[in-house]
Amino acid sequence: MKLDAIDEKILQALQEDGRITMAELGRTVALSQPAATERVRRLEDGGAIARYRADVPPAAVGKPIVSFLLFRAASCEAFAAFCRTSPHVLECHRISGEYNYLLQVASASMAALEAFENECDRYGSSTTLIVLSTPVAHKPVLPDEGGPSAV
C-alpha cells in the first residue's frame, strides 16, 4: 500500500491516540471528518492499521517485573504453542541467530518469573534480561523519509 504524507500523519495521530475522534483527526491532518474517516477506512482495508487496543502497563495489572528471554527451543512448534497459552508471555518473536525466539514476559514477582523459566526448561534453554527502566516506551511506526525504499 502506497502511503502519502496525509496517510503518514493519520497513522502517527492514531498511534499517539487511538481514541481520537474522526473530527479531531480531520482537524489534525487538515481534512474534513468524512475525508478523514474514508482515509482511515482505506488504511484499515489496506492493512496499514491492523487493530485498535488499549496500552496497559504491566505494573497496572500487578505484573511489575518485565523481562526479555532469548530462547533456544528444541522444538519450535511445541514452544510456540506453549507461548500462545502462557499468561506471562506478552510477545513472542521467531528470530535468527544463536537463539530462535525472543519473548517479552511480565510477571508478578521474581518468584513468578523463576517459575515461568522453570516451565520453559522443558522446551530448551534461555537467557533472561530483566528490564530496569524503559527510556523509550513506544514510538509511532512510520515509513522512512523518502518512502519505503529509502536507504
N, C-alpha and C. Protein backbone atom coordinates (compact mmCIF):
# COMPACT_ATOMS: atom_id res chain seq x y z
N MET A 1 0.84 -1.18 0.00
CA MET A 1 0.00 0.00 0.00
C MET A 1 0.89 1.24 0.00
N LYS A 2 0.63 2.12 -0.92
CA LYS A 2 1.39 3.37 -1.04
C LYS A 2 0.79 4.40 -0.09
N LEU A 3 1.64 4.96 0.78
CA LEU A 3 1.20 5.97 1.75
C LEU A 3 1.66 7.35 1.32
N ASP A 4 0.77 8.33 1.42
CA ASP A 4 1.18 9.70 1.16
C ASP A 4 1.39 10.42 2.50
N ALA A 5 1.73 11.70 2.44
CA ALA A 5 2.04 12.46 3.67
C ALA A 5 0.85 12.53 4.61
N ILE A 6 -0.36 12.64 4.08
CA ILE A 6 -1.55 12.69 4.94
C ILE A 6 -1.77 11.35 5.62
N ASP A 7 -1.60 10.25 4.88
CA ASP A 7 -1.71 8.92 5.49
C ASP A 7 -0.73 8.78 6.65
N GLU A 8 0.49 9.24 6.45
CA GLU A 8 1.50 9.15 7.50
C GLU A 8 1.10 9.95 8.72
N LYS A 9 0.54 11.15 8.51
CA LYS A 9 0.08 11.97 9.63
C LYS A 9 -1.07 11.28 10.35
N ILE A 10 -1.96 10.65 9.62
CA ILE A 10 -3.08 9.91 10.22
C ILE A 10 -2.54 8.76 11.06
N LEU A 11 -1.61 7.99 10.52
CA LEU A 11 -1.04 6.87 11.26
C LEU A 11 -0.35 7.34 12.53
N GLN A 12 0.37 8.44 12.44
CA GLN A 12 1.05 8.97 13.63
C GLN A 12 0.02 9.40 14.67
N ALA A 13 -1.00 10.13 14.25
CA ALA A 13 -2.03 10.60 15.19
C ALA A 13 -2.75 9.43 15.86
N LEU A 14 -3.08 8.40 15.10
CA LEU A 14 -3.79 7.25 15.68
C LEU A 14 -2.90 6.44 16.61
N GLN A 15 -1.60 6.38 16.32
CA GLN A 15 -0.70 5.66 17.21
C GLN A 15 -0.48 6.42 18.51
N GLU A 16 -0.56 7.73 18.44
CA GLU A 16 -0.41 8.54 19.65
C GLU A 16 -1.69 8.56 20.47
N ASP A 17 -2.85 8.49 19.81
CA ASP A 17 -4.14 8.50 20.50
C ASP A 17 -5.16 7.75 19.66
N GLY A 18 -5.33 6.46 19.94
CA GLY A 18 -6.25 5.62 19.20
C GLY A 18 -7.71 5.96 19.43
N ARG A 19 -8.00 6.80 20.41
CA ARG A 19 -9.38 7.18 20.70
C ARG A 19 -9.75 8.55 20.14
N ILE A 20 -8.89 9.12 19.34
CA ILE A 20 -9.17 10.42 18.74
C ILE A 20 -10.43 10.31 17.88
N THR A 21 -11.28 11.32 17.93
CA THR A 21 -12.48 11.29 17.08
C THR A 21 -12.09 11.58 15.64
N MET A 22 -12.94 11.17 14.71
CA MET A 22 -12.65 11.45 13.31
C MET A 22 -12.66 12.95 13.04
N ALA A 23 -13.49 13.71 13.75
CA ALA A 23 -13.50 15.17 13.59
C ALA A 23 -12.16 15.75 14.04
N GLU A 24 -11.65 15.29 15.21
CA GLU A 24 -10.35 15.78 15.70
C GLU A 24 -9.23 15.36 14.75
N LEU A 25 -9.31 14.13 14.28
CA LEU A 25 -8.29 13.64 13.35
C LEU A 25 -8.29 14.47 12.08
N GLY A 26 -9.47 14.75 11.58
CA GLY A 26 -9.57 15.58 10.39
C GLY A 26 -8.93 16.94 10.59
N ARG A 27 -9.20 17.57 11.73
CA ARG A 27 -8.58 18.87 12.02
C ARG A 27 -7.06 18.74 12.10
N THR A 28 -6.59 17.68 12.71
CA THR A 28 -5.15 17.46 12.87
C THR A 28 -4.43 17.35 11.52
N VAL A 29 -5.08 16.71 10.55
CA VAL A 29 -4.43 16.48 9.26
C VAL A 29 -5.00 17.36 8.15
N ALA A 30 -5.81 18.35 8.52
CA ALA A 30 -6.39 19.31 7.56
C ALA A 30 -7.31 18.66 6.54
N LEU A 31 -8.19 17.77 7.02
CA LEU A 31 -9.22 17.14 6.18
C LEU A 31 -10.57 17.31 6.86
N SER A 32 -11.63 17.16 6.09
CA SER A 32 -12.96 17.13 6.69
C SER A 32 -13.12 15.81 7.44
N GLN A 33 -14.09 15.74 8.33
CA GLN A 33 -14.35 14.50 9.07
C GLN A 33 -14.67 13.34 8.12
N PRO A 34 -15.54 13.52 7.10
CA PRO A 34 -15.80 12.41 6.19
C PRO A 34 -14.55 11.96 5.42
N ALA A 35 -13.72 12.92 5.03
CA ALA A 35 -12.49 12.57 4.30
C ALA A 35 -11.52 11.80 5.21
N ALA A 36 -11.40 12.24 6.46
CA ALA A 36 -10.53 11.54 7.41
C ALA A 36 -11.05 10.12 7.66
N THR A 37 -12.37 9.99 7.82
CA THR A 37 -12.98 8.67 8.04
C THR A 37 -12.69 7.74 6.86
N GLU A 38 -12.82 8.26 5.65
CA GLU A 38 -12.57 7.46 4.45
C GLU A 38 -11.09 7.06 4.37
N ARG A 39 -10.20 7.97 4.70
CA ARG A 39 -8.76 7.64 4.71
C ARG A 39 -8.47 6.54 5.71
N VAL A 40 -9.03 6.64 6.91
CA VAL A 40 -8.80 5.62 7.94
C VAL A 40 -9.34 4.28 7.46
N ARG A 41 -10.52 4.28 6.88
CA ARG A 41 -11.11 3.03 6.37
C ARG A 41 -10.20 2.41 5.30
N ARG A 42 -9.64 3.25 4.42
CA ARG A 42 -8.73 2.76 3.38
C ARG A 42 -7.46 2.18 4.00
N LEU A 43 -6.93 2.85 5.03
CA LEU A 43 -5.74 2.34 5.72
C LEU A 43 -6.02 1.01 6.42
N GLU A 44 -7.21 0.88 7.00
CA GLU A 44 -7.60 -0.39 7.63
C GLU A 44 -7.72 -1.49 6.58
N ASP A 45 -8.44 -1.20 5.49
CA ASP A 45 -8.64 -2.20 4.43
C ASP A 45 -7.33 -2.59 3.77
N GLY A 46 -6.40 -1.64 3.68
CA GLY A 46 -5.09 -1.92 3.06
C GLY A 46 -4.09 -2.59 3.98
N GLY A 47 -4.45 -2.78 5.24
CA GLY A 47 -3.57 -3.47 6.18
C GLY A 47 -2.58 -2.56 6.91
N ALA A 48 -2.64 -1.25 6.67
CA ALA A 48 -1.73 -0.34 7.37
C ALA A 48 -2.14 -0.16 8.83
N ILE A 49 -3.40 -0.39 9.13
CA ILE A 49 -3.89 -0.39 10.52
C ILE A 49 -4.44 -1.78 10.77
N ALA A 50 -3.80 -2.50 11.68
CA ALA A 50 -4.19 -3.88 11.94
C ALA A 50 -5.28 -3.98 13.00
N ARG A 51 -5.24 -3.12 14.03
CA ARG A 51 -6.23 -3.18 15.10
C ARG A 51 -6.08 -1.97 16.01
N TYR A 52 -7.04 -1.82 16.89
CA TYR A 52 -7.01 -0.78 17.91
C TYR A 52 -7.05 -1.50 19.25
N ARG A 53 -6.29 -0.98 20.22
CA ARG A 53 -6.29 -1.63 21.53
C ARG A 53 -5.82 -0.65 22.59
N ALA A 54 -6.09 -1.01 23.84
CA ALA A 54 -5.61 -0.21 24.97
C ALA A 54 -4.17 -0.60 25.28
N ASP A 55 -3.38 0.37 25.68
CA ASP A 55 -1.99 0.13 26.08
C ASP A 55 -1.98 0.09 27.60
N VAL A 56 -1.90 -1.12 28.17
CA VAL A 56 -1.98 -1.31 29.61
C VAL A 56 -0.59 -1.63 30.16
N PRO A 57 -0.04 -0.76 31.00
CA PRO A 57 1.27 -1.07 31.60
C PRO A 57 1.16 -2.33 32.48
N PRO A 58 2.08 -3.27 32.33
CA PRO A 58 2.00 -4.49 33.13
C PRO A 58 1.88 -4.23 34.64
N ALA A 59 2.57 -3.23 35.16
CA ALA A 59 2.50 -2.93 36.60
C ALA A 59 1.08 -2.57 37.03
N ALA A 60 0.29 -2.00 36.13
CA ALA A 60 -1.08 -1.60 36.46
C ALA A 60 -1.99 -2.80 36.73
N VAL A 61 -1.58 -3.98 36.26
CA VAL A 61 -2.36 -5.19 36.49
C VAL A 61 -1.60 -6.19 37.36
N GLY A 62 -0.67 -5.66 38.17
CA GLY A 62 0.02 -6.49 39.14
C GLY A 62 1.19 -7.30 38.60
N LYS A 63 1.75 -6.89 37.46
CA LYS A 63 2.90 -7.60 36.90
C LYS A 63 4.04 -6.60 36.64
N PRO A 64 4.70 -6.15 37.72
CA PRO A 64 5.72 -5.11 37.58
C PRO A 64 7.07 -5.59 37.05
N ILE A 65 7.30 -6.90 37.02
CA ILE A 65 8.58 -7.44 36.55
C ILE A 65 8.46 -7.74 35.06
N VAL A 66 9.13 -6.94 34.24
CA VAL A 66 9.12 -7.16 32.80
C VAL A 66 10.51 -7.63 32.40
N SER A 67 10.54 -8.64 31.57
CA SER A 67 11.83 -9.18 31.13
C SER A 67 11.74 -9.64 29.69
N PHE A 68 12.91 -9.84 29.12
CA PHE A 68 13.02 -10.41 27.77
C PHE A 68 13.79 -11.71 27.91
N LEU A 69 13.32 -12.74 27.24
CA LEU A 69 14.02 -14.02 27.24
C LEU A 69 14.48 -14.32 25.83
N LEU A 70 15.76 -14.59 25.71
CA LEU A 70 16.30 -15.15 24.48
C LEU A 70 16.21 -16.65 24.66
N PHE A 71 15.51 -17.32 23.75
CA PHE A 71 15.21 -18.74 23.96
C PHE A 71 15.69 -19.58 22.78
N ARG A 72 16.34 -20.70 23.12
CA ARG A 72 16.76 -21.69 22.13
C ARG A 72 15.87 -22.91 22.32
N ALA A 73 14.90 -23.04 21.44
CA ALA A 73 13.91 -24.13 21.58
C ALA A 73 14.38 -25.38 20.85
N ALA A 74 14.16 -26.53 21.48
CA ALA A 74 14.45 -27.80 20.84
C ALA A 74 13.38 -28.12 19.80
N SER A 75 12.12 -27.79 20.11
CA SER A 75 11.00 -27.97 19.18
C SER A 75 10.27 -26.64 19.07
N CYS A 76 10.44 -25.99 17.93
CA CYS A 76 9.86 -24.66 17.76
C CYS A 76 8.34 -24.69 17.83
N GLU A 77 7.71 -25.66 17.22
CA GLU A 77 6.25 -25.71 17.22
C GLU A 77 5.70 -25.89 18.63
N ALA A 78 6.29 -26.77 19.41
CA ALA A 78 5.83 -27.00 20.78
C ALA A 78 6.04 -25.77 21.65
N PHE A 79 7.18 -25.11 21.48
CA PHE A 79 7.45 -23.92 22.27
C PHE A 79 6.51 -22.78 21.90
N ALA A 80 6.27 -22.58 20.62
CA ALA A 80 5.36 -21.52 20.18
C ALA A 80 3.95 -21.78 20.73
N ALA A 81 3.52 -23.02 20.74
CA ALA A 81 2.19 -23.36 21.29
C ALA A 81 2.14 -23.04 22.78
N PHE A 82 3.21 -23.36 23.50
CA PHE A 82 3.30 -23.03 24.92
C PHE A 82 3.19 -21.52 25.13
N CYS A 83 3.91 -20.75 24.32
CA CYS A 83 3.90 -19.28 24.45
C CYS A 83 2.52 -18.70 24.19
N ARG A 84 1.80 -19.25 23.23
CA ARG A 84 0.46 -18.75 22.92
C ARG A 84 -0.48 -18.88 24.11
N THR A 85 -0.28 -19.88 24.95
CA THR A 85 -1.20 -20.13 26.06
C THR A 85 -0.70 -19.59 27.40
N SER A 86 0.55 -19.19 27.48
CA SER A 86 1.10 -18.72 28.76
C SER A 86 0.62 -17.30 29.06
N PRO A 87 0.09 -17.07 30.27
CA PRO A 87 -0.33 -15.71 30.64
C PRO A 87 0.85 -14.77 30.90
N HIS A 88 2.05 -15.29 30.99
CA HIS A 88 3.24 -14.48 31.23
C HIS A 88 3.76 -13.81 29.95
N VAL A 89 3.55 -14.47 28.80
CA VAL A 89 4.14 -14.03 27.54
C VAL A 89 3.31 -12.91 26.92
N LEU A 90 3.94 -11.72 26.77
CA LEU A 90 3.29 -10.59 26.11
C LEU A 90 3.53 -10.62 24.61
N GLU A 91 4.75 -10.99 24.22
CA GLU A 91 5.12 -11.08 22.81
C GLU A 91 6.07 -12.25 22.64
N CYS A 92 5.99 -12.87 21.48
CA CYS A 92 6.90 -13.96 21.13
C CYS A 92 7.29 -13.77 19.67
N HIS A 93 8.59 -13.61 19.44
CA HIS A 93 9.10 -13.37 18.09
C HIS A 93 10.05 -14.49 17.69
N ARG A 94 9.89 -15.05 16.51
CA ARG A 94 10.85 -16.01 15.96
C ARG A 94 11.99 -15.18 15.38
N ILE A 95 13.21 -15.47 15.78
CA ILE A 95 14.36 -14.66 15.38
C ILE A 95 15.45 -15.54 14.76
N SER A 96 16.42 -14.91 14.15
CA SER A 96 17.56 -15.63 13.60
C SER A 96 18.73 -15.53 14.59
N GLY A 97 19.71 -16.37 14.39
CA GLY A 97 20.90 -16.32 15.22
C GLY A 97 20.99 -17.48 16.18
N GLU A 98 21.77 -17.29 17.22
CA GLU A 98 22.03 -18.35 18.21
C GLU A 98 20.75 -18.80 18.91
N TYR A 99 19.85 -17.87 19.16
CA TYR A 99 18.56 -18.19 19.77
C TYR A 99 17.50 -18.15 18.67
N ASN A 100 16.40 -18.88 18.87
CA ASN A 100 15.37 -18.84 17.84
C ASN A 100 14.09 -18.12 18.26
N TYR A 101 14.02 -17.67 19.51
CA TYR A 101 12.86 -16.88 19.95
C TYR A 101 13.31 -15.74 20.86
N LEU A 102 12.56 -14.65 20.80
CA LEU A 102 12.70 -13.54 21.73
C LEU A 102 11.31 -13.32 22.33
N LEU A 103 11.23 -13.41 23.66
CA LEU A 103 9.96 -13.23 24.35
C LEU A 103 9.99 -11.99 25.21
N GLN A 104 8.87 -11.31 25.29
CA GLN A 104 8.68 -10.28 26.30
C GLN A 104 7.71 -10.89 27.30
N VAL A 105 8.10 -10.83 28.58
CA VAL A 105 7.36 -11.51 29.64
C VAL A 105 7.06 -10.52 30.75
N ALA A 106 5.87 -10.63 31.34
CA ALA A 106 5.51 -9.81 32.51
C ALA A 106 5.14 -10.75 33.64
N SER A 107 5.69 -10.48 34.82
CA SER A 107 5.48 -11.35 35.97
C SER A 107 5.14 -10.54 37.21
N ALA A 108 4.41 -11.17 38.12
CA ALA A 108 4.01 -10.50 39.36
C ALA A 108 5.17 -10.35 40.33
N SER A 109 6.16 -11.24 40.22
CA SER A 109 7.29 -11.21 41.15
C SER A 109 8.47 -11.95 40.54
N MET A 110 9.61 -11.84 41.19
CA MET A 110 10.78 -12.60 40.73
C MET A 110 10.51 -14.10 40.86
N ALA A 111 9.79 -14.49 41.91
CA ALA A 111 9.46 -15.91 42.08
C ALA A 111 8.57 -16.40 40.94
N ALA A 112 7.63 -15.56 40.50
CA ALA A 112 6.77 -15.94 39.38
C ALA A 112 7.58 -16.05 38.09
N LEU A 113 8.53 -15.13 37.90
CA LEU A 113 9.41 -15.20 36.72
C LEU A 113 10.23 -16.47 36.75
N GLU A 114 10.77 -16.81 37.92
CA GLU A 114 11.55 -18.04 38.05
C GLU A 114 10.69 -19.26 37.74
N ALA A 115 9.46 -19.29 38.23
CA ALA A 115 8.56 -20.41 37.95
C ALA A 115 8.28 -20.52 36.45
N PHE A 116 8.09 -19.36 35.79
CA PHE A 116 7.87 -19.37 34.35
C PHE A 116 9.09 -19.93 33.63
N GLU A 117 10.29 -19.49 34.03
CA GLU A 117 11.50 -20.00 33.41
C GLU A 117 11.63 -21.52 33.62
N ASN A 118 11.25 -21.99 34.80
CA ASN A 118 11.28 -23.43 35.06
C ASN A 118 10.33 -24.18 34.13
N GLU A 119 9.16 -23.59 33.84
CA GLU A 119 8.22 -24.20 32.89
C GLU A 119 8.84 -24.26 31.49
N CYS A 120 9.59 -23.22 31.14
CA CYS A 120 10.21 -23.15 29.82
C CYS A 120 11.31 -24.18 29.63
N ASP A 121 11.94 -24.60 30.72
CA ASP A 121 13.09 -25.50 30.64
C ASP A 121 12.80 -26.78 29.85
N ARG A 122 11.56 -27.23 29.85
CA ARG A 122 11.25 -28.48 29.13
C ARG A 122 11.31 -28.30 27.61
N TYR A 123 11.35 -27.03 27.14
CA TYR A 123 11.36 -26.75 25.71
C TYR A 123 12.73 -26.36 25.18
N GLY A 124 13.68 -26.08 26.07
CA GLY A 124 15.01 -25.68 25.63
C GLY A 124 15.72 -24.86 26.69
N SER A 125 16.57 -23.94 26.26
CA SER A 125 17.34 -23.13 27.21
C SER A 125 17.16 -21.66 26.89
N SER A 126 17.43 -20.82 27.90
CA SER A 126 17.20 -19.39 27.71
C SER A 126 18.21 -18.54 28.46
N THR A 127 18.24 -17.28 28.07
CA THR A 127 18.95 -16.23 28.78
C THR A 127 17.91 -15.16 29.08
N THR A 128 17.89 -14.70 30.33
CA THR A 128 16.89 -13.72 30.76
C THR A 128 17.51 -12.35 30.95
N LEU A 129 16.84 -11.34 30.42
CA LEU A 129 17.25 -9.96 30.56
C LEU A 129 16.12 -9.23 31.26
N ILE A 130 16.36 -8.72 32.47
CA ILE A 130 15.32 -8.05 33.25
C ILE A 130 15.35 -6.56 32.96
N VAL A 131 14.18 -6.00 32.67
CA VAL A 131 14.06 -4.58 32.36
C VAL A 131 14.24 -3.77 33.65
N LEU A 132 15.19 -2.85 33.64
CA LEU A 132 15.41 -1.97 34.78
C LEU A 132 14.60 -0.68 34.63
N SER A 133 14.56 -0.15 33.43
CA SER A 133 13.75 1.03 33.12
C SER A 133 13.48 1.04 31.63
N THR A 134 12.57 1.90 31.21
CA THR A 134 12.18 1.97 29.80
C THR A 134 12.26 3.42 29.34
N PRO A 135 13.43 3.85 28.87
CA PRO A 135 13.56 5.24 28.43
C PRO A 135 12.70 5.59 27.22
N VAL A 136 12.41 4.61 26.37
CA VAL A 136 11.53 4.81 25.21
C VAL A 136 10.50 3.70 25.23
N ALA A 137 9.28 4.04 25.63
CA ALA A 137 8.25 3.02 25.78
C ALA A 137 7.56 2.69 24.46
N HIS A 138 7.30 3.68 23.66
CA HIS A 138 6.59 3.44 22.41
C HIS A 138 6.83 4.61 21.48
N LYS A 139 7.11 4.31 20.26
CA LYS A 139 7.25 5.34 19.23
C LYS A 139 6.37 4.93 18.06
N PRO A 140 5.74 5.89 17.41
CA PRO A 140 4.93 5.53 16.23
C PRO A 140 5.79 4.89 15.15
N VAL A 141 5.22 3.94 14.44
CA VAL A 141 5.89 3.29 13.31
C VAL A 141 5.45 4.01 12.05
N LEU A 142 6.42 4.61 11.37
CA LEU A 142 6.15 5.35 10.14
C LEU A 142 7.20 4.99 9.11
N PRO A 143 6.87 5.15 7.83
CA PRO A 143 7.89 4.88 6.81
C PRO A 143 9.05 5.86 6.94
N ASP A 144 10.21 5.47 6.45
CA ASP A 144 11.36 6.38 6.42
C ASP A 144 11.07 7.52 5.48
N GLU A 145 11.73 8.65 5.71
CA GLU A 145 11.59 9.78 4.80
C GLU A 145 12.05 9.34 3.42
N GLY A 146 11.33 9.75 2.43
CA GLY A 146 11.69 9.35 1.07
C GLY A 146 10.96 8.08 0.64
N GLY A 147 10.13 7.53 1.51
CA GLY A 147 9.32 6.37 1.14
C GLY A 147 9.90 5.07 1.61
N PRO A 148 9.16 3.98 1.39
CA PRO A 148 9.56 2.65 1.88
C PRO A 148 10.88 2.15 1.33
N SER A 149 11.27 2.61 0.14
CA SER A 149 12.51 2.09 -0.45
C SER A 149 13.72 2.94 -0.13
N ALA A 150 13.55 3.98 0.70
CA ALA A 150 14.68 4.86 1.04
C ALA A 150 15.73 4.08 1.82
N VAL A 151 16.97 4.30 1.48
CA VAL A 151 18.07 3.60 2.16
C VAL A 151 18.91 4.56 2.94
